[in-house]
């Protein structure tokens, strides 16, 4: 344990005085460090983003205000701002040493009903007011190269809106469900599909809603199996977990395909070679001496 701790202490990070930028996060976790901007000064955010980009890999910054986004885009021209999600994303070409950042190929987001690749994550929200949290989850998935489809304003007050997309939800590798008010939607979805459901309570609702505590408690007490819960308004956490599930599914598919190819090669190549070797051994094996009785029968019947 002490040796492991000593190794961890030597892992590279950059001490900026007000922040320690973790340049090995991608090596350990598969995606670089994400910048949480709320509470930070503009110059601090700009400096952190600059050092993060210098370390390589794509960048995601969350809780970005409009004013801060303008400053970031002036400094980094390739920055993309989603005002609804309050996120900044910057894509960079992968360096040869960054092969550890693996995920499903492509960066595709689709409204329900549109074409998408296999292994997509479904992003669902109960009402339009929940969209900021859902969009944060979607942006997180996409910067991690996890394809998504989104289904917005499909809450339980009009359940037919959700059922219209049941087939697409059932095909998702994971489903992020954002809901405020009473927070019933994740339980409903969890009872209809076999995919894992990541529930996100939002701070949308009236008085006794308690800024998201009411839906949080509802989701924690869900009777539907396969429903897990993240913190209030934590679209980032839900999107990150969904992307990890998507990666695991993709790796499993690759492993199964590799096993199938290996079995096919073994069936068509390995077995004949084994038979040839066996025949060769039989051909060159020394013959055992004939018994006297067998020799006598051979003499009588030349």
Protein backbone atom coordinates (compact mmCIF):
# COMPACT_ATOMS: atom_id res chain seq x y z
CA UNK A 1 0.00 0.00 0.00
CA UNK A 2 2.79 2.46 0.89
CA UNK A 3 4.57 1.70 -2.39
CA UNK A 4 1.36 2.29 -4.36
CA UNK A 5 0.80 5.62 -2.62
CA UNK A 6 4.37 6.65 -3.40
CA UNK A 7 3.83 5.85 -7.09
CA UNK A 8 0.58 7.84 -7.14
CA UNK A 9 2.32 10.85 -5.63
CA UNK A 10 4.79 10.86 -8.51
CA UNK A 11 2.11 10.90 -11.20
CA UNK A 12 2.45 14.14 -13.18
CA UNK A 13 0.39 17.20 -12.38
CA UNK A 14 1.11 20.84 -12.96
CA UNK A 15 1.03 23.12 -9.91
CA UNK A 16 -0.26 26.54 -10.97
CA UNK A 17 -0.54 27.88 -7.44
CA UNK A 18 -4.33 28.24 -7.52
CA UNK A 19 -4.87 24.90 -9.29
CA UNK A 20 -3.11 21.58 -9.82
CA UNK A 21 -3.83 20.39 -13.36
CA UNK A 22 -3.93 16.59 -13.56
CA UNK A 23 -2.22 15.61 -16.81
CA UNK A 24 -2.53 11.86 -16.14
CA UNK A 25 -6.30 11.77 -15.64
CA UNK A 26 -6.83 10.31 -19.10
CA UNK A 27 -4.28 7.54 -18.44
CA UNK A 28 -6.11 6.48 -15.29
CA UNK A 29 -9.73 7.19 -16.18
CA UNK A 30 -9.91 7.26 -19.98
CA UNK A 31 -10.77 10.98 -20.31
CA UNK A 32 -8.84 14.12 -19.35
CA UNK A 33 -9.71 16.31 -16.37
CA UNK A 34 -12.94 18.31 -16.75
CA UNK A 35 -12.94 22.00 -15.77
CA UNK A 36 -15.73 23.05 -13.38
CA UNK A 37 -15.96 26.82 -13.85
CA UNK A 38 -18.49 27.97 -11.27
CA UNK A 39 -16.79 29.97 -8.52
CA UNK A 40 -13.56 30.48 -10.47
CA UNK A 41 -12.30 33.81 -11.78
CA UNK A 42 -12.14 34.35 -15.53
CA UNK A 43 -8.34 34.49 -15.65
CA UNK A 44 -8.11 31.32 -13.59
CA UNK A 45 -10.39 29.46 -16.00
CA UNK A 46 -8.47 30.72 -19.03
CA UNK A 47 -5.16 29.65 -17.51
CA UNK A 48 -6.46 26.21 -16.53
CA UNK A 49 -7.94 25.61 -19.98
CA UNK A 50 -4.68 26.66 -21.60
CA UNK A 51 -2.63 24.20 -19.56
CA UNK A 52 -5.19 21.43 -20.01
CA UNK A 53 -5.07 21.83 -23.79
CA UNK A 54 -1.28 21.83 -23.71
CA UNK A 55 -1.47 18.41 -22.04
CA UNK A 56 -3.46 17.03 -24.98
CA UNK A 57 -6.90 15.55 -25.38
CA UNK A 58 -10.36 17.00 -25.77
CA UNK A 59 -11.63 19.55 -23.27
CA UNK A 60 -14.94 19.88 -21.45
CA UNK A 61 -15.75 22.82 -19.17
CA UNK A 62 -19.03 22.91 -17.23
CA UNK A 63 -21.11 25.61 -15.53
CA UNK A 64 -19.85 28.27 -17.93
CA UNK A 65 -21.66 31.62 -17.79
CA UNK A 66 -22.31 33.64 -20.93
CA UNK A 67 -19.69 36.25 -20.03
CA UNK A 68 -17.08 33.61 -19.26
CA UNK A 69 -17.89 31.80 -22.50
CA UNK A 70 -17.24 34.99 -24.47
CA UNK A 71 -13.82 35.36 -22.82
CA UNK A 72 -12.94 31.72 -23.50
CA UNK A 73 -13.95 31.98 -27.16
CA UNK A 74 -11.85 35.11 -27.61
CA UNK A 75 -8.80 33.24 -26.29
CA UNK A 76 -9.52 29.84 -27.88
CA UNK A 77 -11.07 30.22 -31.32
CA UNK A 78 -12.06 26.56 -31.67
CA UNK A 79 -14.10 26.57 -28.44
CA UNK A 80 -17.78 25.68 -28.85
CA UNK A 81 -20.32 27.01 -26.35
CA UNK A 82 -23.70 25.40 -25.60
CA UNK A 83 -25.66 28.14 -23.86
CA UNK A 84 -28.42 25.78 -22.71
CA UNK A 85 -26.01 23.25 -21.19
CA UNK A 86 -23.59 25.99 -20.09
CA UNK A 87 -20.68 23.93 -21.41
CA UNK A 88 -17.56 24.68 -23.44
CA UNK A 89 -16.06 21.90 -25.57
CA UNK A 90 -12.79 21.94 -27.51
CA UNK A 91 -11.69 19.07 -29.74
CA UNK A 92 -8.03 18.41 -30.47
CA UNK A 93 -6.30 15.92 -32.77
CA UNK A 94 -5.19 12.85 -30.86
CA UNK A 95 -1.49 12.41 -30.27
CA UNK A 96 0.04 8.96 -30.79
CA UNK A 97 0.47 8.60 -27.03
CA UNK A 98 -3.22 9.22 -26.40
CA UNK A 99 -4.51 5.91 -27.67
CA UNK A 100 -5.89 5.22 -24.20
CA UNK A 101 -8.80 7.55 -24.87
CA UNK A 102 -10.99 4.94 -26.43
CA UNK A 103 -14.69 5.05 -27.14
CA UNK A 104 -17.17 4.31 -29.87
CA UNK A 105 -16.16 5.96 -33.13
CA UNK A 106 -17.88 9.13 -34.15
CA UNK A 107 -19.51 12.07 -32.44
CA UNK A 108 -23.16 11.87 -33.30
CA UNK A 109 -26.19 13.36 -31.62
CA UNK A 110 -29.68 12.81 -32.93
CA UNK A 111 -33.19 13.80 -32.02
CA UNK A 112 -35.41 10.78 -31.47
CA UNK A 113 -36.25 9.14 -34.76
CA UNK A 114 -33.09 10.15 -36.61
CA UNK A 115 -30.42 7.69 -37.74
CA UNK A 116 -27.60 6.93 -35.35
CA UNK A 117 -24.87 4.35 -34.96
CA UNK A 118 -24.97 1.33 -32.71
CA UNK A 119 -24.32 1.61 -28.98
CA UNK A 120 -26.01 4.99 -28.50
CA UNK A 121 -27.00 6.53 -25.17
CA UNK A 122 -30.55 7.88 -24.90
CA UNK A 123 -30.87 11.28 -23.19
CA UNK A 124 -34.40 11.82 -21.88
CA UNK A 125 -35.97 14.71 -20.00
CA UNK A 126 -39.46 15.10 -18.58
CA UNK A 127 -40.04 18.74 -19.51
CA UNK A 128 -38.47 21.52 -21.52
CA UNK A 129 -37.38 23.16 -18.25
CA UNK A 130 -35.16 20.12 -17.60
CA UNK A 131 -33.27 20.60 -20.86
CA UNK A 132 -30.22 22.40 -19.36
CA UNK A 133 -29.41 19.31 -17.27
CA UNK A 134 -30.14 16.93 -20.15
CA UNK A 135 -27.99 18.99 -22.51
CA UNK A 136 -25.10 18.91 -20.05
CA UNK A 137 -25.36 15.11 -20.05
CA UNK A 138 -25.50 15.02 -23.85
CA UNK A 139 -22.49 17.31 -24.30
CA UNK A 140 -20.53 15.16 -21.84
CA UNK A 141 -21.31 11.98 -23.78
CA UNK A 142 -20.42 13.51 -27.10
CA UNK A 143 -17.06 14.99 -26.10
CA UNK A 144 -16.24 11.46 -24.87
CA UNK A 145 -17.11 10.18 -28.38
CA UNK A 146 -20.28 8.45 -27.19
CA UNK A 147 -23.12 8.69 -29.76
CA UNK A 148 -26.46 9.86 -28.37
CA UNK A 149 -30.12 10.23 -29.23
CA UNK A 150 -32.24 12.66 -27.24
CA UNK A 151 -35.93 12.65 -26.35
CA UNK A 152 -37.12 15.84 -24.68
CA UNK A 153 -40.46 16.81 -23.08
CA UNK A 154 -41.75 13.25 -22.65
CA UNK A 155 -42.84 13.42 -18.99
CA UNK A 156 -45.45 11.29 -17.24
CA UNK A 157 -48.18 13.95 -17.57
CA UNK A 158 -48.41 12.83 -21.21
CA UNK A 159 -47.07 9.29 -21.13
CA UNK A 160 -48.03 8.67 -24.79
CA UNK A 161 -45.14 10.99 -25.75
CA UNK A 162 -42.68 8.61 -24.10
CA UNK A 163 -44.29 5.44 -25.46
CA UNK A 164 -43.95 6.78 -28.99
CA UNK A 165 -40.16 6.32 -28.64
CA UNK A 166 -40.16 3.05 -26.68
CA UNK A 167 -38.42 1.06 -29.43
CA UNK A 168 -35.51 3.48 -29.62
CA UNK A 169 -35.20 3.62 -25.84
CA UNK A 170 -35.13 -0.17 -25.66
CA UNK A 171 -32.18 -0.29 -28.09
CA UNK A 172 -30.01 2.16 -26.10
CA UNK A 173 -26.98 0.88 -24.16
CA UNK A 174 -27.84 3.27 -21.31
CA UNK A 175 -30.52 5.89 -20.65
CA UNK A 176 -30.09 9.19 -18.81
CA UNK A 177 -33.45 10.43 -17.48
CA UNK A 178 -33.73 13.99 -16.12
CA UNK A 179 -36.86 15.01 -14.24
CA UNK A 180 -37.99 17.61 -11.75
CA UNK A 181 -41.36 18.04 -10.00
CA UNK A 182 -42.18 14.64 -8.40
CA UNK A 183 -39.44 12.83 -10.39
CA UNK A 184 -41.49 9.83 -11.51
CA UNK A 185 -40.15 9.48 -15.05
CA UNK A 186 -37.00 7.38 -14.33
CA UNK A 187 -39.09 4.71 -12.56
CA UNK A 188 -41.47 4.53 -15.53
CA UNK A 189 -38.59 4.21 -18.00
CA UNK A 190 -36.84 1.66 -15.77
CA UNK A 191 -39.93 -0.53 -15.85
CA UNK A 192 -40.05 -0.56 -19.65
CA UNK A 193 -36.47 -1.27 -20.75
CA UNK A 194 -33.57 -3.60 -19.93
CA UNK A 195 -30.85 -0.94 -20.27
CA UNK A 196 -29.41 0.71 -17.13
CA UNK A 197 -31.21 3.96 -16.27
CA UNK A 198 -29.27 6.86 -14.75
CA UNK A 199 -31.75 9.17 -13.02
CA UNK A 200 -31.02 12.87 -12.60
CA UNK A 201 -33.26 14.91 -10.28
CA UNK A 202 -33.52 18.54 -11.34
CA UNK A 203 -34.24 21.68 -9.34
CA UNK A 204 -37.38 22.36 -11.39
CA UNK A 205 -40.62 22.61 -9.43
CA UNK A 206 -42.68 24.46 -6.84
CA UNK A 207 -42.29 24.99 -3.06
CA UNK A 208 -42.44 21.50 -1.53
CA UNK A 209 -40.22 20.34 -4.35
CA UNK A 210 -37.38 21.68 -2.14
CA UNK A 211 -35.00 22.62 -5.00
CA UNK A 212 -34.78 19.04 -6.24
CA UNK A 213 -34.86 17.13 -2.96
CA UNK A 214 -38.36 15.75 -3.62
CA UNK A 215 -37.48 14.11 -6.97
CA UNK A 216 -34.15 12.93 -5.54
CA UNK A 217 -35.98 11.03 -2.79
CA UNK A 218 -38.49 9.67 -5.30
CA UNK A 219 -35.70 8.34 -7.50
CA UNK A 220 -33.77 6.87 -4.58
CA UNK A 221 -36.93 4.98 -3.59
CA UNK A 222 -37.70 3.72 -7.10
CA UNK A 223 -39.23 0.25 -7.21
CA UNK A 224 -37.92 -0.28 -10.75
CA UNK A 225 -34.76 -2.37 -10.92
CA UNK A 226 -31.82 -1.00 -12.86
CA UNK A 227 -32.25 2.64 -11.81
CA UNK A 228 -29.29 4.47 -10.28
CA UNK A 229 -29.30 8.11 -9.16
CA UNK A 230 -26.83 11.00 -9.33
CA UNK A 231 -26.95 14.33 -7.52
CA UNK A 232 -29.43 17.13 -8.19
CA UNK A 233 -28.82 18.84 -11.57
CA UNK A 234 -25.71 16.68 -12.16
CA UNK A 235 -26.08 16.11 -15.89
CA UNK A 236 -22.30 15.86 -16.21
CA UNK A 237 -22.07 12.95 -13.78
CA UNK A 238 -24.90 11.10 -15.51
CA UNK A 239 -23.45 11.66 -18.98
CA UNK A 240 -19.99 10.55 -17.88
CA UNK A 241 -21.35 7.33 -16.38
CA UNK A 242 -23.44 6.62 -19.48
CA UNK A 243 -20.38 7.12 -21.70
CA UNK A 244 -18.38 4.67 -19.56
CA UNK A 245 -21.16 2.11 -19.97
CA UNK A 246 -21.09 2.69 -23.73
CA UNK A 247 -17.32 2.12 -23.80
CA UNK A 248 -17.65 -1.09 -21.81
CA UNK A 249 -20.31 -2.37 -24.23
CA UNK A 250 -18.13 -1.45 -27.22
CA UNK A 251 -15.12 -3.24 -25.71
CA UNK A 252 -17.26 -6.29 -25.00
CA UNK A 253 -18.46 -6.35 -28.60
CA UNK A 254 -14.89 -6.10 -29.86
CA UNK A 255 -13.84 -8.92 -27.54
CA UNK A 256 -16.71 -11.15 -28.68
CA UNK A 257 -15.90 -10.44 -32.32
CA UNK A 258 -12.25 -11.26 -31.67
CA UNK A 259 -13.21 -14.52 -29.95
CA UNK A 260 -15.47 -15.45 -32.86
CA UNK A 261 -12.70 -14.79 -35.37
CA UNK A 262 -10.27 -16.84 -33.30
CA UNK A 263 -12.74 -19.73 -33.13
CA UNK A 264 -13.31 -19.56 -36.88
CA UNK A 265 -9.58 -19.61 -37.57
CA UNK A 266 -9.18 -22.52 -35.20
CA UNK A 267 -11.97 -24.44 -36.93
CA UNK A 268 -10.67 -23.89 -40.45
CA UNK A 269 -6.93 -23.82 -39.86
CA UNK A 270 -6.07 -25.34 -36.51
CA UNK A 271 -7.90 -28.64 -36.87
CA UNK A 272 -6.47 -29.58 -40.30
CA UNK A 273 -3.00 -28.82 -39.07
CA UNK A 274 -3.59 -31.03 -36.05
CA UNK A 275 -4.83 -33.82 -38.34
CA UNK A 276 -1.78 -33.50 -40.61
CA UNK A 277 0.55 -33.64 -37.65
CA UNK A 278 -1.26 -36.69 -36.28
CA UNK A 279 -1.10 -38.44 -39.66
CA UNK A 280 2.59 -37.62 -39.94
CA UNK A 281 3.26 -39.08 -36.51
CA UNK A 282 1.38 -42.26 -37.42
CA UNK A 283 3.32 -42.58 -40.72
CA UNK A 284 6.74 -42.29 -39.16
CA UNK A 285 6.06 -44.09 -35.91
CA UNK A 286 8.11 -47.34 -35.49
CA UNK A 287 6.07 -50.49 -35.98
CA UNK A 288 5.77 -52.82 -33.04
CA UNK A 289 7.17 -56.33 -33.63
CA UNK A 290 4.64 -58.93 -34.78
CA UNK A 291 3.70 -61.62 -32.33
CA UNK A 292 4.68 -65.29 -33.09
CA UNK A 293 1.02 -66.23 -33.61
CA UNK A 294 0.58 -63.39 -36.13
CA UNK A 295 3.82 -64.46 -37.88
CA UNK A 296 2.59 -68.07 -38.09
CA UNK A 297 -0.73 -66.96 -39.67
CA UNK A 298 1.23 -64.88 -42.19
CA UNK A 299 3.42 -67.90 -43.11
CA UNK A 300 0.32 -70.08 -43.74
CA UNK A 301 -1.31 -67.37 -45.85
CA UNK A 302 1.45 -65.82 -47.98
